[in-house]
Amino acid sequence: MDTRKVQKTGGSTFIVSLPKKWINEIGIKNGDSMGFIQQPDGTMLLSPKSTEKKTSRRRIVNVEGMKSEHLLRKMISIYMAGYNIIDLKADKRMIPEIREVIRSFSRKIIGPEIIEESIKSITMKDLLNPIEMPMDKTIKRMHILVKTMHEDAIMALREKNRQLADRIEPRDRDVDRLNWLISRQFNILLTNMSLSNEMKMTREETTCMFLMSRLIERIGDHAVKISKEVILIFDEKIDPQIIEMITFASGNSLEILEDTIAAWEKKDIKAANKNIDSVTDLASYCKEINDAALNLNGVSSVGVSYIAESIRRSGEYAGDISELLIDYLVNE
């Protein structure tokens, strides 16, 4: 670490010299203005005014010979890394399959749109200002989506409603889009601390929400797993009492999630601890469902066990969110 002594000039002015190497690399000249942003931990972020608006990050990708699924994964990773502009280029004519992957990508995520296109290239630009999508509101929307997905999966089981079960997986794509958006915002904030100040969020708070979104996304994945198992056992005869047990366990799991989000909004450590304790009771009850499933035939037994497992895992992920909340509040 390079250290500099603070000097006092006049009656109340303090000055400190800046490293010459850094001055030359950034291109600061005599008379330029500097921006100062005080961080929550007491450190000071120094930013040249000339670089404040330079928020665009460009990534060039050669798509020649790439598999469609590999390109899609790479574009999602680039998006989450915080790049504003993606240039996709081919050595010759870009094949239709690759063009369709690029258009599919623009439909899967929030922000980037195609702004230029030619025979050999496509350019995409993110038109969304990160400040316009507060992370806390995105978290709440994700919570509502996964909650209704779980409720509909259990309702499909109770009512033997195939259409309702089929509609759950498409909704999980909306949860994925929101999770990718939060991942993107998190990575942008890591490289642009002035943006963190504009959004009025600390690094600890953004990290907490980033991890929360990943856990909520996994709860959504388990709603999809439940719906698929429900479809597989539609034609099986299952003891109504077991279905009631599944309904009760699912209600408990969602209650833990609901109370966890409420504890997060209220910044309540006592409520968070209560939620974590509730996970133990949920796990015990899910084990009772597994024991009862042993009396069913093979297909039904496996399906019911998988459903109980997803309900248990969903409750545990909600408990993990409460643990994150406690860690965050203790640091605060």
Protein backbone atom coordinates (compact mmCIF):
# COMPACT_ATOMS: atom_id res chain seq x y z
CA MET A 1 0.00 0.00 0.00
CA ASP A 2 1.31 3.43 -0.99
CA THR A 3 1.01 5.85 1.96
CA ARG A 4 1.09 9.67 1.91
CA LYS A 5 1.30 12.15 4.76
CA VAL A 6 -1.51 14.62 5.26
CA GLN A 7 -0.39 18.26 5.34
CA LYS A 8 -2.22 21.26 6.67
CA THR A 9 -2.23 24.54 4.80
CA GLY A 10 -3.81 27.74 6.00
CA GLY A 11 -6.17 27.53 8.92
CA SER A 12 -8.42 24.58 8.02
CA THR A 13 -7.34 23.00 4.72
CA PHE A 14 -5.76 19.53 4.58
CA ILE A 15 -4.02 18.26 1.44
CA VAL A 16 -2.46 14.96 0.33
CA SER A 17 -0.44 14.31 -2.82
CA LEU A 18 -1.59 11.80 -5.46
CA PRO A 19 0.70 9.12 -6.98
CA LYS A 20 2.22 10.36 -10.23
CA LYS A 21 1.95 6.95 -11.89
CA TRP A 22 -1.81 6.87 -11.26
CA ILE A 23 -2.18 10.45 -12.48
CA ASN A 24 -0.48 9.55 -15.77
CA GLU A 25 -2.44 6.32 -16.27
CA ILE A 26 -5.81 8.02 -15.74
CA GLY A 27 -4.80 11.09 -17.74
CA ILE A 28 -5.54 13.71 -15.08
CA LYS A 29 -4.43 17.23 -15.96
CA ASN A 30 -3.89 20.40 -13.99
CA GLY A 31 -7.26 21.96 -13.15
CA ASP A 32 -9.29 18.75 -13.51
CA SER A 33 -12.01 18.11 -10.93
CA MET A 34 -12.09 15.05 -8.68
CA GLY A 35 -15.07 13.33 -7.11
CA PHE A 36 -15.04 12.08 -3.50
CA ILE A 37 -17.50 9.48 -2.19
CA GLN A 38 -17.38 8.52 1.48
CA GLN A 39 -17.92 4.78 2.06
CA PRO A 40 -19.81 3.28 5.04
CA ASP A 41 -16.57 1.79 6.43
CA GLY A 42 -14.94 5.23 6.61
CA THR A 43 -12.81 4.91 3.45
CA MET A 44 -12.98 7.54 0.71
CA LEU A 45 -13.51 6.67 -2.94
CA LEU A 46 -11.62 9.02 -5.26
CA SER A 47 -12.94 9.29 -8.82
CA PRO A 48 -11.84 11.60 -11.66
CA LYS A 49 -14.82 13.49 -13.07
CA SER A 50 -13.64 12.54 -16.55
CA THR A 51 -14.33 8.86 -15.85
CA GLU A 52 -17.70 9.18 -14.11
CA LYS A 53 -19.70 8.79 -17.32
CA LYS A 54 -17.52 6.03 -18.79
CA THR A 55 -19.82 3.22 -17.71
CA SER A 56 -19.96 1.35 -21.04
CA ARG A 57 -18.19 -1.99 -21.20
CA ARG A 58 -17.89 -3.77 -24.55
CA ARG A 59 -17.28 -7.47 -25.18
CA ILE A 60 -16.51 -8.97 -28.62
CA VAL A 61 -17.46 -12.61 -29.27
CA ASN A 62 -16.45 -14.62 -32.33
CA VAL A 63 -19.35 -17.02 -32.92
CA GLU A 64 -17.73 -18.93 -35.79
CA GLY A 65 -18.10 -22.68 -35.16
CA MET A 66 -19.71 -22.26 -31.71
CA LYS A 67 -22.46 -24.59 -30.55
CA SER A 68 -25.79 -22.87 -29.95
CA GLU A 69 -26.04 -23.85 -26.28
CA HIS A 70 -22.42 -22.79 -25.64
CA LEU A 71 -23.05 -19.36 -27.15
CA LEU A 72 -26.20 -18.86 -25.07
CA ARG A 73 -24.36 -19.71 -21.84
CA LYS A 74 -21.52 -17.37 -22.75
CA MET A 75 -23.87 -14.48 -23.54
CA ILE A 76 -25.71 -14.93 -20.23
CA SER A 77 -22.36 -14.90 -18.41
CA ILE A 78 -21.29 -11.73 -20.25
CA TYR A 79 -24.63 -10.12 -19.38
CA MET A 80 -24.30 -10.98 -15.68
CA ALA A 81 -20.70 -9.73 -15.68
CA GLY A 82 -22.06 -6.24 -16.41
CA TYR A 83 -21.11 -5.60 -20.05
CA ASN A 84 -23.27 -2.97 -21.76
CA ILE A 85 -22.42 -3.81 -25.37
CA ILE A 86 -21.92 -7.24 -26.94
CA ASP A 87 -20.51 -7.49 -30.46
CA LEU A 88 -21.12 -10.91 -32.02
CA LYS A 89 -19.08 -11.54 -35.17
CA ALA A 90 -18.63 -14.39 -37.66
CA ASP A 91 -15.76 -14.87 -40.10
CA LYS A 92 -18.24 -15.39 -42.93
CA ARG A 93 -22.02 -15.22 -43.07
CA MET A 94 -23.64 -15.76 -39.66
CA ILE A 95 -25.73 -18.94 -39.82
CA PRO A 96 -29.49 -18.81 -39.01
CA GLU A 97 -29.13 -21.05 -35.93
CA ILE A 98 -26.73 -18.59 -34.31
CA ARG A 99 -28.98 -15.64 -35.15
CA GLU A 100 -31.90 -17.42 -33.51
CA VAL A 101 -29.81 -18.05 -30.37
CA ILE A 102 -29.00 -14.34 -30.17
CA ARG A 103 -32.67 -13.39 -30.56
CA SER A 104 -33.60 -16.02 -27.98
CA PHE A 105 -31.08 -14.47 -25.60
CA SER A 106 -32.67 -11.02 -26.00
CA ARG A 107 -36.04 -12.54 -25.04
CA LYS A 108 -34.66 -14.39 -22.01
CA ILE A 109 -33.02 -11.44 -20.24
CA ILE A 110 -33.95 -7.89 -19.23
CA GLY A 111 -32.31 -4.89 -20.91
CA PRO A 112 -30.19 -5.81 -23.97
CA GLU A 113 -31.65 -5.22 -27.43
CA ILE A 114 -30.26 -5.65 -30.95
CA ILE A 115 -29.22 -2.22 -32.25
CA GLU A 116 -27.15 -3.18 -35.32
CA GLU A 117 -27.18 -6.17 -37.64
CA SER A 118 -25.33 -7.22 -40.79
CA ILE A 119 -24.53 -10.40 -42.68
CA LYS A 120 -21.54 -11.16 -40.46
CA SER A 121 -22.32 -9.41 -37.17
CA ILE A 122 -24.92 -8.41 -34.58
CA THR A 123 -24.48 -5.76 -31.91
CA MET A 124 -26.54 -5.73 -28.71
CA LYS A 125 -26.77 -2.90 -26.19
CA ASP A 126 -28.24 -2.82 -22.71
CA LEU A 127 -30.87 -0.07 -22.65
CA LEU A 128 -31.75 -0.46 -18.97
CA ASN A 129 -30.38 1.89 -16.34
CA PRO A 130 -29.57 -0.25 -13.24
CA ILE A 131 -30.94 2.48 -10.99
CA GLU A 132 -34.40 2.10 -12.57
CA MET A 133 -34.78 -1.46 -11.19
CA PRO A 134 -34.23 -1.38 -7.39
CA MET A 135 -32.91 -4.71 -6.16
CA ASP A 136 -35.30 -4.89 -3.20
CA LYS A 137 -38.34 -4.66 -5.50
CA THR A 138 -36.90 -7.37 -7.72
CA ILE A 139 -36.47 -9.62 -4.68
CA LYS A 140 -40.12 -9.08 -3.69
CA ARG A 141 -41.29 -9.91 -7.20
CA MET A 142 -39.22 -13.11 -7.23
CA HIS A 143 -40.72 -14.08 -3.88
CA ILE A 144 -44.28 -13.66 -5.13
CA LEU A 145 -43.54 -15.67 -8.28
CA VAL A 146 -42.01 -18.68 -6.49
CA LYS A 147 -44.71 -18.63 -3.80
CA THR A 148 -47.53 -18.84 -6.36
CA MET A 149 -45.61 -21.49 -8.33
CA HIS A 150 -45.41 -23.73 -5.25
CA GLU A 151 -49.07 -23.14 -4.39
CA ASP A 152 -50.18 -24.00 -7.94
CA ALA A 153 -48.03 -27.16 -7.99
CA ILE A 154 -49.77 -28.46 -4.85
CA MET A 155 -53.17 -27.40 -6.18
CA ALA A 156 -52.44 -29.32 -9.40
CA LEU A 157 -51.78 -32.40 -7.25
CA ARG A 158 -54.99 -31.99 -5.26
CA GLU A 159 -57.20 -31.28 -8.27
CA LYS A 160 -55.32 -33.43 -10.80
CA ASN A 161 -55.05 -30.37 -13.02
CA ARG A 162 -52.53 -31.09 -15.79
CA GLN A 163 -52.81 -27.63 -17.37
CA LEU A 164 -51.98 -25.92 -14.08
CA ALA A 165 -48.92 -28.13 -13.62
CA ASP A 166 -47.73 -27.44 -17.17
CA ARG A 167 -47.83 -23.66 -16.62
CA ILE A 168 -45.35 -23.67 -13.75
CA GLU A 169 -42.09 -24.23 -15.64
CA PRO A 170 -42.59 -21.25 -18.04
CA ARG A 171 -43.01 -18.98 -15.01
CA ASP A 172 -39.67 -20.19 -13.68
CA ARG A 173 -38.04 -18.46 -16.67
CA ASP A 174 -39.28 -15.13 -15.28
CA VAL A 175 -37.61 -15.98 -11.97
CA ASP A 176 -34.37 -16.78 -13.84
CA ARG A 177 -34.52 -13.44 -15.69
CA LEU A 178 -34.87 -11.53 -12.43
CA ASN A 179 -32.07 -13.51 -10.81
CA TRP A 180 -29.76 -12.76 -13.77
CA LEU A 181 -30.70 -9.08 -13.52
CA ILE A 182 -29.71 -8.93 -9.84
CA SER A 183 -26.46 -10.77 -10.60
CA ARG A 184 -25.74 -8.19 -13.30
CA GLN A 185 -26.49 -5.25 -11.00
CA PHE A 186 -24.31 -6.77 -8.29
CA ASN A 187 -21.32 -7.12 -10.63
CA ILE A 188 -21.82 -3.59 -12.00
CA LEU A 189 -21.86 -2.18 -8.47
CA LEU A 190 -18.60 -3.98 -7.68
CA THR A 191 -16.86 -2.12 -10.51
CA ASN A 192 -18.68 1.20 -10.14
CA MET A 193 -18.90 2.29 -6.52
CA SER A 194 -20.36 5.67 -7.45
CA LEU A 195 -23.41 3.80 -8.77
CA SER A 196 -23.76 2.13 -5.38
CA ASN A 197 -23.96 5.58 -3.85
CA GLU A 198 -26.63 6.63 -6.37
CA MET A 199 -28.72 3.56 -5.53
CA LYS A 200 -28.25 4.31 -1.82
CA MET A 201 -27.04 0.80 -1.08
CA THR A 202 -23.95 -0.45 0.69
CA ARG A 203 -21.75 -3.24 -0.66
CA GLU A 204 -22.90 -5.48 2.20
CA GLU A 205 -26.54 -4.87 1.33
CA THR A 206 -26.06 -5.61 -2.37
CA THR A 207 -24.13 -8.79 -1.53
CA CYS A 208 -26.95 -9.93 0.75
CA MET A 209 -29.58 -9.35 -1.96
CA PHE A 210 -27.44 -11.08 -4.57
CA LEU A 211 -27.22 -14.21 -2.39
CA MET A 212 -30.92 -13.97 -1.52
CA SER A 213 -31.90 -13.93 -5.20
CA ARG A 214 -29.91 -17.10 -5.84
CA LEU A 215 -31.66 -18.91 -2.99
CA ILE A 216 -35.11 -17.74 -4.11
CA GLU A 217 -34.30 -18.90 -7.66
CA ARG A 218 -33.51 -22.37 -6.27
CA ILE A 219 -36.85 -22.41 -4.46
CA GLY A 220 -38.45 -21.74 -7.85
CA ASP A 221 -36.53 -24.69 -9.31
CA HIS A 222 -38.06 -26.95 -6.66
CA ALA A 223 -41.56 -25.72 -7.57
CA VAL A 224 -40.82 -26.94 -11.11
CA LYS A 225 -39.59 -30.29 -9.76
CA ILE A 226 -42.80 -30.70 -7.74
CA SER A 227 -44.93 -29.95 -10.83
CA LYS A 228 -43.05 -32.57 -12.88
CA GLU A 229 -43.52 -35.22 -10.21
CA VAL A 230 -47.20 -34.30 -9.98
CA ILE A 231 -47.56 -34.95 -13.72
CA LEU A 232 -45.86 -38.34 -13.38
CA ILE A 233 -48.25 -39.55 -10.66
CA PHE A 234 -51.49 -38.12 -12.09
CA ASP A 235 -52.90 -41.54 -12.90
CA GLU A 236 -51.75 -43.15 -9.64
CA LYS A 237 -54.05 -43.76 -6.68
CA ILE A 238 -52.63 -41.96 -3.65
CA ASP A 239 -54.04 -42.07 -0.16
CA PRO A 240 -55.92 -38.76 0.40
CA GLN A 241 -54.29 -38.53 3.84
CA ILE A 242 -50.84 -38.40 2.21
CA ILE A 243 -52.02 -35.62 -0.09
CA GLU A 244 -53.24 -33.72 2.98
CA MET A 245 -49.83 -34.25 4.61
CA ILE A 246 -48.10 -32.88 1.48
CA THR A 247 -50.43 -29.87 1.46
CA PHE A 248 -49.72 -29.17 5.13
CA ALA A 249 -45.94 -29.48 4.68
CA SER A 250 -46.00 -27.21 1.63
CA GLY A 251 -47.98 -24.63 3.60
CA ASN A 252 -45.36 -24.73 6.36
CA SER A 253 -42.53 -24.36 3.88
CA LEU A 254 -44.14 -21.34 2.23
CA GLU A 255 -44.91 -19.85 5.64
CA ILE A 256 -41.20 -19.99 6.50
CA LEU A 257 -40.42 -18.23 3.22
CA GLU A 258 -43.13 -15.62 3.83
CA ASP A 259 -41.92 -14.94 7.38
CA THR A 260 -38.32 -14.78 6.15
CA ILE A 261 -39.15 -12.05 3.62
CA ALA A 262 -41.11 -10.20 6.33
CA ALA A 263 -38.12 -10.45 8.71
CA TRP A 264 -35.87 -9.10 5.96
CA GLU A 265 -38.18 -6.11 5.37
CA LYS A 266 -38.37 -5.38 9.10
CA LYS A 267 -34.68 -6.18 9.74
CA ASP A 268 -35.82 -8.45 12.59
CA ILE A 269 -33.15 -10.86 13.93
CA LYS A 270 -35.54 -12.44 16.44
CA ALA A 271 -37.99 -13.37 13.67
CA ALA A 272 -35.12 -14.68 11.52
CA ASN A 273 -34.02 -17.01 14.32
CA LYS A 274 -37.60 -18.26 14.73
CA ASN A 275 -37.74 -19.06 11.01
CA ILE A 276 -34.53 -21.08 11.19
CA ASP A 277 -35.88 -23.07 14.13
CA SER A 278 -39.05 -23.86 12.14
CA VAL A 279 -37.01 -25.65 9.46
CA THR A 280 -36.26 -28.50 11.89
CA ASP A 281 -39.97 -29.21 12.42
CA LEU A 282 -40.57 -29.08 8.66
CA ALA A 283 -37.80 -31.61 8.01
CA SER A 284 -39.29 -34.00 10.60
CA TYR A 285 -42.73 -33.74 9.04
CA CYS A 286 -41.34 -34.37 5.53
CA LYS A 287 -39.70 -37.52 6.90
CA GLU A 288 -43.15 -38.68 8.05
CA ILE A 289 -44.39 -38.20 4.48
CA ASN A 290 -41.50 -40.31 3.18
CA ASP A 291 -42.32 -43.05 5.68
CA ALA A 292 -45.97 -43.01 4.62
CA ALA A 293 -44.92 -43.19 0.95
CA LEU A 294 -43.33 -46.60 1.57
CA ASN A 295 -46.84 -48.09 1.61
CA LEU A 296 -47.53 -46.91 -1.97
CA ASN A 297 -46.58 -48.64 -5.21
CA GLY A 298 -43.22 -47.89 -6.87
CA VAL A 299 -44.14 -44.91 -9.07
CA SER A 300 -46.30 -43.23 -6.42
CA SER A 301 -43.78 -43.88 -3.66
CA VAL A 302 -40.90 -42.31 -5.57
CA GLY A 303 -43.00 -39.35 -6.74
CA VAL A 304 -44.32 -38.54 -3.26
CA SER A 305 -40.80 -38.84 -1.80
CA TYR A 306 -39.40 -36.42 -4.38
CA ILE A 307 -42.21 -33.95 -3.69
CA ALA A 308 -41.54 -34.12 0.06
CA GLU A 309 -37.82 -33.63 -0.59
CA SER A 310 -38.46 -30.49 -2.67
CA ILE A 311 -40.76 -29.09 0.01
CA ARG A 312 -38.06 -29.71 2.63
CA ARG A 313 -35.33 -28.14 0.49
CA SER A 314 -37.49 -25.09 -0.19
CA GLY A 315 -37.95 -24.56 3.54
CA GLU A 316 -34.22 -25.00 4.12
CA TYR A 317 -33.40 -22.40 1.47
CA ALA A 318 -35.81 -20.00 3.20
CA GLY A 319 -33.92 -20.73 6.44
CA ASP A 320 -30.65 -19.95 4.64
CA ILE A 321 -32.07 -16.54 3.70
CA SER A 322 -32.79 -15.91 7.39
CA GLU A 323 -29.18 -16.81 8.20
CA LEU A 324 -28.01 -14.31 5.58
CA LEU A 325 -30.22 -11.68 7.17
CA ILE A 326 -28.71 -12.32 10.62
CA ASP A 327 -25.16 -12.09 9.24
CA TYR A 328 -26.00 -8.85 7.46
CA LEU A 329 -27.72 -7.23 10.47
CA VAL A 330 -24.88 -8.21 12.83
CA ASN A 331 -22.40 -6.49 10.50
CA GLU A 332 -24.65 -3.44 10.27
